[in-house]
Amino acid sequence: MEDHTEFGRMERQGWSDDATAAAYASGFASAARHCVPALVHAVGARAGSAALDLCCGHGVVAAGLLASGATVTGVDFSPAMLALARALVPGVEFLEGDATDLPFGDATFDAVTMGFGILHIPDAERALAEARRVLRPGGRFAYSVWHGPERSAAFRIVFDCIAAHGDPSVTLPPGPATHAYADADFAFAALEAAGFSAPRLETADSHWIVDDPGRPFDHFSEGTVRGAFLLRNQPEANRVAIRAAVGEAVRAELGPDGPWRVAIPAAIVSATA
C-alpha cells in the first residue's frame, strides 16, 4: 500500500490554518452548502435521532442535521474549523478527533454524515469502518464528494490550466485519489467491505456563482489544501498565468459576461448499517 503519511501531514497542517479554514467557509463552501439537504435526507435525520457529523468542517451539515430535530455531535481534526463551527451552530457539541479512531462506543448513533471529508483522509477505508461501527443496526451513513473533471467545470478548468501553465516540478505528496469515492463501482465496493448494504449514489447540482471569471482559481488557492499546495507553491509568473487562463476558460465556456454559474457537482453516496 502506498505511504500517505506526508499527505496526511499536509492535510492536517493545511486545514488547521485559520486563513484557509475561513476562506473555505466563505468561498469554496458556497458550493458545498447545496449538498446539505441531500445529506440530511439520505440519513433520515429527524426529531429524536442521534446524528454524528464526521469531518464536520465549519458546521454546515451539522446545522442541517440540527434543523431536522436530531441531536448532533460534530467531529473534526482541525481546531480552526471547529472554532468556526462552534460560532455557526452553538446547539451542537463539536469535538476535536480523528474519523479513523472515533471516541464513541459501538452502535451509538442513528445517522452518520461526512460532508467532503472522505477525500482528505489518508485511510478512508478505516474511516468507513469506524462510521459503520458507531452506527446502530439499520442506521444510515451518507457522504459527499466532488465529481471529477469529466463532470465538473470547476475541476476541469482549474486543473487543465495548472497542467498548461504550471511549473511541473510542483507536485503533491502521494495520497488517495481525489474523486475515487464519486465512482459508484469503487464506492459501493468500499462500503460493502466496511459492512454497509444497499448503497446508493445521487448527484447534487452544486455550483458557484462568481462575478470574477478568475474566482475559481482563488477558491482553490485560498480555501483548499490540495489545490492550494499546487497553486501557492508556483512561481509568481506561473500563478499569474494560471489565474488568467482560468478567467479566459470561464468566459469561453460559460459566456463573455458575468455573473457566471460554475458547475462543481458532487456525489451523495449513502448506505445502511
C-alpha atoms as a PDB file:
ATOM      1  CA  MET A   1       0.000   0.000   0.000  1.00  0.00           C
ATOM      2  CA  GLU A   2       1.310   3.445  -0.914  1.00  0.00           C
ATOM      3  CA  ASP A   3       2.530   5.529   2.028  1.00  0.00           C
ATOM      4  CA  HIS A   4       0.213   8.508   2.544  1.00  0.00           C
ATOM      5  CA  THR A   5       1.897   9.822   5.703  1.00  0.00           C
ATOM      6  CA  GLU A   6       3.143  13.038   4.108  1.00  0.00           C
ATOM      7  CA  PHE A   7      -0.253  13.599   2.510  1.00  0.00           C
ATOM      8  CA  GLY A   8      -1.930  13.240   5.911  1.00  0.00           C
ATOM      9  CA  ARG A   9       0.510  15.718   7.438  1.00  0.00           C
ATOM     10  CA  MET A  10      -0.189  18.194   4.633  1.00  0.00           C
ATOM     11  CA  GLU A  11      -3.945  17.880   5.171  1.00  0.00           C
ATOM     12  CA  ARG A  12      -3.739  18.369   8.942  1.00  0.00           C
ATOM     13  CA  GLN A  13      -1.468  21.369   8.667  1.00  0.00           C
ATOM     14  CA  GLY A  14      -3.456  22.921   5.836  1.00  0.00           C
ATOM     15  CA  TRP A  15      -6.893  22.631   7.397  1.00  0.00           C
ATOM     16  CA  SER A  16      -5.595  23.813  10.773  1.00  0.00           C
ATOM     17  CA  ASP A  17      -4.615  27.141   9.211  1.00  0.00           C
ATOM     18  CA  ASP A  18      -7.116  29.820  10.250  1.00  0.00           C
ATOM     19  CA  ALA A  19      -6.967  31.683   6.928  1.00  0.00           C
ATOM     20  CA  THR A  20      -7.532  28.531   4.847  1.00  0.00           C
ATOM     21  CA  ALA A  21     -10.472  27.466   7.022  1.00  0.00           C
ATOM     22  CA  ALA A  22     -12.052  30.915   6.782  1.00  0.00           C
ATOM     23  CA  ALA A  23     -11.525  31.110   3.004  1.00  0.00           C
ATOM     24  CA  TYR A  24     -13.107  27.697   2.539  1.00  0.00           C
ATOM     25  CA  ALA A  25     -16.124  28.671   4.653  1.00  0.00           C
ATOM     26  CA  SER A  26     -16.668  31.983   2.869  1.00  0.00           C
ATOM     27  CA  GLY A  27     -15.808  30.910  -0.688  1.00  0.00           C
ATOM     28  CA  PHE A  28     -15.399  27.305  -1.759  1.00  0.00           C
ATOM     29  CA  ALA A  29     -18.161  26.119   0.578  1.00  0.00           C
ATOM     30  CA  SER A  30     -20.796  28.150  -1.224  1.00  0.00           C
ATOM     31  CA  ALA A  31     -20.995  25.052  -3.444  1.00  0.00           C
ATOM     32  CA  ALA A  32     -20.797  22.552  -0.570  1.00  0.00           C
ATOM     33  CA  ARG A  33     -23.881  24.094   1.044  1.00  0.00           C
ATOM     34  CA  HIS A  34     -26.018  22.884  -1.863  1.00  0.00           C
ATOM     35  CA  CYS A  35     -25.371  19.291  -0.727  1.00  0.00           C
ATOM     36  CA  VAL A  36     -26.626  19.670   2.843  1.00  0.00           C
ATOM     37  CA  PRO A  37     -30.331  18.898   2.237  1.00  0.00           C
ATOM     38  CA  ALA A  38     -29.460  15.728   0.312  1.00  0.00           C
ATOM     39  CA  LEU A  39     -27.130  14.507   3.071  1.00  0.00           C
ATOM     40  CA  VAL A  40     -29.712  15.167   5.790  1.00  0.00           C
ATOM     41  CA  HIS A  41     -32.407  13.409   3.769  1.00  0.00           C
ATOM     42  CA  ALA A  42     -30.142  10.460   2.917  1.00  0.00           C
ATOM     43  CA  VAL A  43     -29.569   9.600   6.582  1.00  0.00           C
ATOM     44  CA  GLY A  44     -33.201  10.130   7.605  1.00  0.00           C
ATOM     45  CA  ALA A  45     -32.322  12.619  10.336  1.00  0.00           C
ATOM     46  CA  ARG A  46     -35.364  13.565  12.410  1.00  0.00           C
ATOM     47  CA  ALA A  47     -36.508  14.569  15.871  1.00  0.00           C
ATOM     48  CA  GLY A  48     -35.256  12.103  18.454  1.00  0.00           C
ATOM     49  CA  SER A  49     -32.422  10.669  16.342  1.00  0.00           C
ATOM     50  CA  ALA A  50     -28.769  10.854  17.326  1.00  0.00           C
ATOM     51  CA  ALA A  51     -26.564  12.078  14.478  1.00  0.00           C
ATOM     52  CA  LEU A  52     -22.782  12.247  14.088  1.00  0.00           C
ATOM     53  CA  ASP A  53     -21.234  14.615  11.555  1.00  0.00           C
ATOM     54  CA  LEU A  54     -17.715  13.434  10.706  1.00  0.00           C
ATOM     55  CA  CYS A  55     -15.160  15.840   9.241  1.00  0.00           C
ATOM     56  CA  CYS A  56     -17.696  18.491  10.199  1.00  0.00           C
ATOM     57  CA  GLY A  57     -15.646  21.448   8.965  1.00  0.00           C
ATOM     58  CA  HIS A  58     -17.278  24.777   9.724  1.00  0.00           C
ATOM     59  CA  GLY A  59     -20.589  23.136  10.611  1.00  0.00           C
ATOM     60  CA  VAL A  60     -22.989  23.496   7.687  1.00  0.00           C
ATOM     61  CA  VAL A  61     -24.025  19.832   7.617  1.00  0.00           C
ATOM     62  CA  ALA A  62     -24.325  19.812  11.409  1.00  0.00           C
ATOM     63  CA  ALA A  63     -26.629  22.825  11.123  1.00  0.00           C
ATOM     64  CA  GLY A  64     -28.838  20.940   8.667  1.00  0.00           C
ATOM     65  CA  LEU A  65     -28.975  17.890  10.940  1.00  0.00           C
ATOM     66  CA  LEU A  66     -29.861  20.090  13.913  1.00  0.00           C
ATOM     67  CA  ALA A  67     -32.647  21.778  11.940  1.00  0.00           C
ATOM     68  CA  SER A  68     -34.158  18.322  11.318  1.00  0.00           C
ATOM     69  CA  GLY A  69     -34.609  17.911  15.068  1.00  0.00           C
ATOM     70  CA  ALA A  70     -31.735  15.477  15.619  1.00  0.00           C
ATOM     71  CA  THR A  71     -29.298  15.646  18.499  1.00  0.00           C
ATOM     72  CA  VAL A  72     -25.971  16.294  16.777  1.00  0.00           C
ATOM     73  CA  THR A  73     -22.298  15.720  17.555  1.00  0.00           C
ATOM     74  CA  GLY A  74     -19.614  17.017  15.207  1.00  0.00           C
ATOM     75  CA  VAL A  75     -16.026  15.774  14.918  1.00  0.00           C
ATOM     76  CA  ASP A  76     -13.092  17.301  13.034  1.00  0.00           C
ATOM     77  CA  PHE A  77      -9.304  17.252  13.349  1.00  0.00           C
ATOM     78  CA  SER A  78      -8.982  20.992  12.645  1.00  0.00           C
ATOM     79  CA  PRO A  79      -9.159  23.428  15.592  1.00  0.00           C
ATOM     80  CA  ALA A  80      -9.612  26.249  13.062  1.00  0.00           C
ATOM     81  CA  MET A  81     -12.677  24.595  11.545  1.00  0.00           C
ATOM     82  CA  LEU A  82     -14.097  23.709  14.949  1.00  0.00           C
ATOM     83  CA  ALA A  83     -13.879  27.333  16.056  1.00  0.00           C
ATOM     84  CA  LEU A  84     -15.929  28.353  13.022  1.00  0.00           C
ATOM     85  CA  ALA A  85     -18.425  25.527  13.621  1.00  0.00           C
ATOM     86  CA  ARG A  86     -18.979  26.421  17.270  1.00  0.00           C
ATOM     87  CA  ALA A  87     -19.714  30.017  16.294  1.00  0.00           C
ATOM     88  CA  LEU A  88     -22.074  28.977  13.487  1.00  0.00           C
ATOM     89  CA  VAL A  89     -24.011  26.222  15.289  1.00  0.00           C
ATOM     90  CA  PRO A  90     -23.966  26.722  19.076  1.00  0.00           C
ATOM     91  CA  GLY A  91     -26.579  23.973  19.567  1.00  0.00           C
ATOM     92  CA  VAL A  92     -24.146  21.211  18.511  1.00  0.00           C
ATOM     93  CA  GLU A  93     -21.374  19.567  20.537  1.00  0.00           C
ATOM     94  CA  PHE A  94     -18.179  19.777  18.482  1.00  0.00           C
ATOM     95  CA  LEU A  95     -15.174  17.631  19.371  1.00  0.00           C
ATOM     96  CA  GLU A  96     -11.623  17.541  18.068  1.00  0.00           C
ATOM     97  CA  GLY A  97     -10.978  13.999  16.873  1.00  0.00           C
ATOM     98  CA  ASP A  98      -9.933  11.559  14.182  1.00  0.00           C
ATOM     99  CA  ALA A  99     -12.509   9.980  11.856  1.00  0.00           C
ATOM    100  CA  THR A 100     -10.398   6.819  11.745  1.00  0.00           C
ATOM    101  CA  ASP A 101     -10.370   6.419  15.547  1.00  0.00           C
ATOM    102  CA  LEU A 102     -13.638   7.684  16.984  1.00  0.00           C
ATOM    103  CA  PRO A 103     -14.113   8.174  20.746  1.00  0.00           C
ATOM    104  CA  PHE A 104     -17.589   6.587  20.787  1.00  0.00           C
ATOM    105  CA  GLY A 105     -18.899   3.167  21.658  1.00  0.00           C
ATOM    106  CA  ASP A 106     -20.374   0.716  19.187  1.00  0.00           C
ATOM    107  CA  ALA A 107     -23.924   1.382  17.929  1.00  0.00           C
ATOM    108  CA  THR A 108     -24.129   4.902  19.398  1.00  0.00           C
ATOM    109  CA  PHE A 109     -25.756   6.821  16.528  1.00  0.00           C
ATOM    110  CA  ASP A 110     -28.775   6.555  14.241  1.00  0.00           C
ATOM    111  CA  ALA A 111     -27.153   8.595  11.463  1.00  0.00           C
ATOM    112  CA  VAL A 112     -23.615   9.484  10.380  1.00  0.00           C
ATOM    113  CA  THR A 113     -22.712  12.078   7.747  1.00  0.00           C
ATOM    114  CA  MET A 114     -19.408  13.133   6.200  1.00  0.00           C
ATOM    115  CA  GLY A 115     -19.502  16.258   4.063  1.00  0.00           C
ATOM    116  CA  PHE A 116     -16.478  16.281   1.723  1.00  0.00           C
ATOM    117  CA  GLY A 117     -14.236  14.661   4.306  1.00  0.00           C
ATOM    118  CA  ILE A 118     -13.503  11.361   2.643  1.00  0.00           C
ATOM    119  CA  LEU A 119     -11.082  12.844   0.101  1.00  0.00           C
ATOM    120  CA  HIS A 120      -8.953  14.311   2.904  1.00  0.00           C
ATOM    121  CA  ILE A 121      -8.409  11.102   4.901  1.00  0.00           C
ATOM    122  CA  PRO A 122      -5.255   9.048   4.202  1.00  0.00           C
ATOM    123  CA  ASP A 123      -7.040   5.821   5.227  1.00  0.00           C
ATOM    124  CA  ALA A 124     -10.632   6.261   4.068  1.00  0.00           C
ATOM    125  CA  GLU A 125     -11.387   2.538   4.422  1.00  0.00           C
ATOM    126  CA  ARG A 126     -10.715   2.771   8.146  1.00  0.00           C
ATOM    127  CA  ALA A 127     -12.975   5.822   8.426  1.00  0.00           C
ATOM    128  CA  LEU A 128     -15.788   3.904   6.723  1.00  0.00           C
ATOM    129  CA  ALA A 129     -15.301   1.016   9.154  1.00  0.00           C
ATOM    130  CA  GLU A 130     -15.492   3.431  12.084  1.00  0.00           C
ATOM    131  CA  ALA A 131     -18.676   5.012  10.713  1.00  0.00           C
ATOM    132  CA  ARG A 132     -20.196   1.532  10.473  1.00  0.00           C
ATOM    133  CA  ARG A 133     -19.063   0.621  13.992  1.00  0.00           C
ATOM    134  CA  VAL A 134     -20.712   3.593  15.678  1.00  0.00           C
ATOM    135  CA  LEU A 135     -23.996   3.202  13.777  1.00  0.00           C
ATOM    136  CA  ARG A 136     -26.886   1.251  15.221  1.00  0.00           C
ATOM    137  CA  PRO A 137     -28.238  -1.600  13.079  1.00  0.00           C
ATOM    138  CA  GLY A 138     -30.408  -0.067  10.393  1.00  0.00           C
ATOM    139  CA  GLY A 139     -28.728   3.327  10.808  1.00  0.00           C
ATOM    140  CA  ARG A 140     -27.809   5.378   7.771  1.00  0.00           C
ATOM    141  CA  PHE A 141     -24.470   6.744   6.564  1.00  0.00           C
ATOM    142  CA  ALA A 142     -24.018   9.327   3.818  1.00  0.00           C
ATOM    143  CA  TYR A 143     -21.059  11.270   2.477  1.00  0.00           C
ATOM    144  CA  SER A 144     -20.499  13.855  -0.236  1.00  0.00           C
ATOM    145  CA  VAL A 145     -17.509  14.035  -2.568  1.00  0.00           C
ATOM    146  CA  TRP A 146     -16.760  16.098  -5.661  1.00  0.00           C
ATOM    147  CA  HIS A 147     -17.198  14.589  -9.098  1.00  0.00           C
ATOM    148  CA  GLY A 148     -14.087  14.694 -11.264  1.00  0.00           C
ATOM    149  CA  PRO A 149     -13.167  16.880 -14.248  1.00  0.00           C
ATOM    150  CA  GLU A 150     -15.205  14.757 -16.653  1.00  0.00           C
ATOM    151  CA  ARG A 151     -18.356  16.166 -14.997  1.00  0.00           C
ATOM    152  CA  SER A 152     -17.106  19.257 -13.175  1.00  0.00           C
ATOM    153  CA  ALA A 153     -16.399  22.526 -14.961  1.00  0.00           C
ATOM    154  CA  ALA A 154     -14.651  23.852 -11.843  1.00  0.00           C
ATOM    155  CA  PHE A 155     -12.168  20.996 -11.556  1.00  0.00           C
ATOM    156  CA  ARG A 156     -11.687  20.696 -15.319  1.00  0.00           C
ATOM    157  CA  ILE A 157     -10.967  24.373 -15.867  1.00  0.00           C
ATOM    158  CA  VAL A 158      -8.669  24.913 -12.894  1.00  0.00           C
ATOM    159  CA  PHE A 159      -6.626  21.736 -13.231  1.00  0.00           C
ATOM    160  CA  ASP A 160      -6.356  21.974 -17.020  1.00  0.00           C
ATOM    161  CA  CYS A 161      -4.941  25.470 -16.537  1.00  0.00           C
ATOM    162  CA  ILE A 162      -2.483  24.200 -13.910  1.00  0.00           C
ATOM    163  CA  ALA A 163      -1.367  21.491 -16.340  1.00  0.00           C
ATOM    164  CA  ALA A 164      -0.947  24.004 -19.159  1.00  0.00           C
ATOM    165  CA  HIS A 165       0.699  26.880 -17.269  1.00  0.00           C
ATOM    166  CA  GLY A 166       2.044  25.481 -14.009  1.00  0.00           C
ATOM    167  CA  ASP A 167       5.579  24.542 -13.067  1.00  0.00           C
ATOM    168  CA  PRO A 168       5.683  20.729 -13.477  1.00  0.00           C
ATOM    169  CA  SER A 169       8.148  20.427 -10.592  1.00  0.00           C
ATOM    170  CA  VAL A 170       5.353  21.387  -8.149  1.00  0.00           C
ATOM    171  CA  THR A 171       3.718  18.076  -7.251  1.00  0.00           C
ATOM    172  CA  LEU A 172       1.544  16.736  -4.451  1.00  0.00           C
ATOM    173  CA  PRO A 173       2.743  14.107  -1.989  1.00  0.00           C
ATOM    174  CA  PRO A 174       1.272  10.645  -2.679  1.00  0.00           C
ATOM    175  CA  GLY A 175      -2.319  10.449  -1.484  1.00  0.00           C
ATOM    176  CA  PRO A 176      -5.693   8.870  -2.200  1.00  0.00           C
ATOM    177  CA  ALA A 177      -7.417   9.769  -5.470  1.00  0.00           C
ATOM    178  CA  THR A 178      -9.478  12.935  -5.090  1.00  0.00           C
ATOM    179  CA  HIS A 179     -12.569  11.663  -6.903  1.00  0.00           C
ATOM    180  CA  ALA A 180     -12.449   7.865  -6.447  1.00  0.00           C
ATOM    181  CA  TYR A 181     -15.324   7.806  -3.977  1.00  0.00           C
ATOM    182  CA  ALA A 182     -17.569   9.536  -6.525  1.00  0.00           C
ATOM    183  CA  ASP A 183     -17.364   6.424  -8.714  1.00  0.00           C
ATOM    184  CA  ALA A 184     -20.251   4.085  -7.912  1.00  0.00           C
ATOM    185  CA  ASP A 185     -18.349   0.849  -8.517  1.00  0.00           C
ATOM    186  CA  PHE A 186     -15.442   1.891  -6.306  1.00  0.00           C
ATOM    187  CA  ALA A 187     -17.598   3.474  -3.602  1.00  0.00           C
ATOM    188  CA  PHE A 188     -20.135   0.659  -3.358  1.00  0.00           C
ATOM    189  CA  ALA A 189     -17.405  -1.965  -3.057  1.00  0.00           C
ATOM    190  CA  ALA A 190     -15.712   0.025  -0.290  1.00  0.00           C
ATOM    191  CA  LEU A 191     -18.985   0.494   1.604  1.00  0.00           C
ATOM    192  CA  GLU A 192     -19.887  -3.178   1.359  1.00  0.00           C
ATOM    193  CA  ALA A 193     -16.391  -4.138   2.546  1.00  0.00           C
ATOM    194  CA  ALA A 194     -16.960  -1.926   5.598  1.00  0.00           C
ATOM    195  CA  GLY A 195     -20.198  -3.740   6.404  1.00  0.00           C
ATOM    196  CA  PHE A 196     -22.795  -1.496   4.779  1.00  0.00           C
ATOM    197  CA  SER A 197     -25.614  -2.607   2.500  1.00  0.00           C
ATOM    198  CA  ALA A 198     -27.889  -1.129  -0.176  1.00  0.00           C
ATOM    199  CA  PRO A 199     -25.526   1.664  -1.297  1.00  0.00           C
ATOM    200  CA  ARG A 200     -26.937   4.472  -3.421  1.00  0.00           C
ATOM    201  CA  LEU A 201     -25.456   7.386  -5.348  1.00  0.00           C
ATOM    202  CA  GLU A 202     -27.146  10.575  -6.484  1.00  0.00           C
ATOM    203  CA  THR A 203     -25.684  13.801  -7.827  1.00  0.00           C
ATOM    204  CA  ALA A 204     -26.145  17.236  -6.290  1.00  0.00           C
ATOM    205  CA  ASP A 205     -26.233  20.185  -8.664  1.00  0.00           C
ATOM    206  CA  SER A 206     -23.711  22.190  -6.638  1.00  0.00           C
ATOM    207  CA  HIS A 207     -22.114  25.264  -8.171  1.00  0.00           C
ATOM    208  CA  TRP A 208     -20.524  28.643  -7.596  1.00  0.00           C
ATOM    209  CA  ILE A 209     -21.901  31.977  -8.738  1.00  0.00           C
ATOM    210  CA  VAL A 210     -18.914  34.230  -9.439  1.00  0.00           C
ATOM    211  CA  ASP A 211     -18.687  37.814 -10.647  1.00  0.00           C
ATOM    212  CA  ASP A 212     -14.977  37.495 -11.484  1.00  0.00           C
ATOM    213  CA  PRO A 213     -14.151  34.745 -14.012  1.00  0.00           C
ATOM    214  CA  GLY A 214     -10.844  34.125 -12.238  1.00  0.00           C
ATOM    215  CA  ARG A 215     -12.573  33.419  -8.918  1.00  0.00           C
ATOM    216  CA  PRO A 216     -12.399  29.596  -9.254  1.00  0.00           C
ATOM    217  CA  PHE A 217      -8.607  29.972  -9.081  1.00  0.00           C
ATOM    218  CA  ASP A 218      -8.999  31.933  -5.840  1.00  0.00           C
ATOM    219  CA  HIS A 219     -11.344  29.364  -4.317  1.00  0.00           C
ATOM    220  CA  PHE A 220      -8.799  26.592  -4.893  1.00  0.00           C
ATOM    221  CA  SER A 221      -5.773  28.707  -3.961  1.00  0.00           C
ATOM    222  CA  GLU A 222      -7.189  30.227  -0.788  1.00  0.00           C
ATOM    223  CA  GLY A 223      -9.734  27.725   0.515  1.00  0.00           C
ATOM    224  CA  THR A 224      -8.414  24.210  -0.141  1.00  0.00           C
ATOM    225  CA  VAL A 225      -5.336  22.195   0.788  1.00  0.00           C
ATOM    226  CA  ARG A 226      -4.501  20.037  -2.262  1.00  0.00           C
ATOM    227  CA  GLY A 227      -5.269  22.799  -4.729  1.00  0.00           C
ATOM    228  CA  ALA A 228      -3.562  25.386  -2.543  1.00  0.00           C
ATOM    229  CA  PHE A 229      -0.410  23.275  -2.356  1.00  0.00           C
ATOM    230  CA  LEU A 230      -0.211  23.184  -6.149  1.00  0.00           C
ATOM    231  CA  LEU A 231      -1.039  26.876  -6.588  1.00  0.00           C
ATOM    232  CA  ARG A 232       0.707  28.583  -3.669  1.00  0.00           C
ATOM    233  CA  ASN A 233       3.985  26.839  -4.490  1.00  0.00           C
ATOM    234  CA  GLN A 234       4.032  28.057  -8.101  1.00  0.00           C
ATOM    235  CA  PRO A 235       6.481  30.762  -9.151  1.00  0.00           C
ATOM    236  CA  GLU A 236       4.645  34.082  -9.289  1.00  0.00           C
ATOM    237  CA  ALA A 237       4.692  34.227 -13.094  1.00  0.00           C
ATOM    238  CA  ASN A 238       3.046  30.809 -13.283  1.00  0.00           C
ATOM    239  CA  ARG A 239       0.398  31.766 -10.714  1.00  0.00           C
ATOM    240  CA  VAL A 240      -0.486  34.854 -12.737  1.00  0.00           C
ATOM    241  CA  ALA A 241      -0.648  32.831 -15.951  1.00  0.00           C
ATOM    242  CA  ILE A 242      -2.837  30.133 -14.386  1.00  0.00           C
ATOM    243  CA  ARG A 243      -5.326  32.646 -12.990  1.00  0.00           C
ATOM    244  CA  ALA A 244      -5.532  34.498 -16.300  1.00  0.00           C
ATOM    245  CA  ALA A 245      -6.104  31.205 -18.127  1.00  0.00           C
ATOM    246  CA  VAL A 246      -8.870  30.249 -15.686  1.00  0.00           C
ATOM    247  CA  GLY A 247     -10.623  33.544 -16.382  1.00  0.00           C
ATOM    248  CA  GLU A 248     -10.320  33.046 -20.135  1.00  0.00           C
ATOM    249  CA  ALA A 249     -11.640  29.482 -19.877  1.00  0.00           C
ATOM    250  CA  VAL A 250     -14.651  30.526 -17.795  1.00  0.00           C
ATOM    251  CA  ARG A 251     -15.550  33.194 -20.348  1.00  0.00           C
ATOM    252  CA  ALA A 252     -15.034  30.808 -23.258  1.00  0.00           C
ATOM    253  CA  GLU A 253     -17.115  28.019 -21.740  1.00  0.00           C
ATOM    254  CA  LEU A 254     -19.797  29.952 -19.856  1.00  0.00           C
ATOM    255  CA  GLY A 255     -20.155  33.163 -21.827  1.00  0.00           C
ATOM    256  CA  PRO A 256     -18.406  36.531 -22.074  1.00  0.00           C
ATOM    257  CA  ASP A 257     -20.471  38.313 -19.423  1.00  0.00           C
ATOM    258  CA  GLY A 258     -20.963  37.516 -15.753  1.00  0.00           C
ATOM    259  CA  PRO A 259     -22.024  36.619 -13.252  1.00  0.00           C
ATOM    260  CA  TRP A 260     -21.030  33.057 -14.137  1.00  0.00           C
ATOM    261  CA  ARG A 261     -22.526  29.829 -12.809  1.00  0.00           C
ATOM    262  CA  VAL A 262     -19.597  27.411 -12.464  1.00  0.00           C
ATOM    263  CA  ALA A 263     -20.705  23.807 -12.012  1.00  0.00           C
ATOM    264  CA  ILE A 264     -18.921  21.744  -9.372  1.00  0.00           C
ATOM    265  CA  PRO A 265     -21.302  18.782  -8.940  1.00  0.00           C
ATOM    266  CA  ALA A 266     -20.991  16.358  -6.051  1.00  0.00           C
ATOM    267  CA  ALA A 267     -21.858  12.727  -5.487  1.00  0.00           C
ATOM    268  CA  ILE A 268     -24.065  11.975  -2.474  1.00  0.00           C
ATOM    269  CA  VAL A 269     -23.372   8.384  -1.532  1.00  0.00           C
ATOM    270  CA  SER A 270     -25.373   6.596   1.166  1.00  0.00           C
ATOM    271  CA  ALA A 271     -25.819   3.137   2.649  1.00  0.00           C
ATOM    272  CA  THR A 272     -27.407   1.276   5.545  1.00  0.00           C
ATOM    273  CA  ALA A 273     -25.642  -0.279   8.530  1.00  0.00           C
END
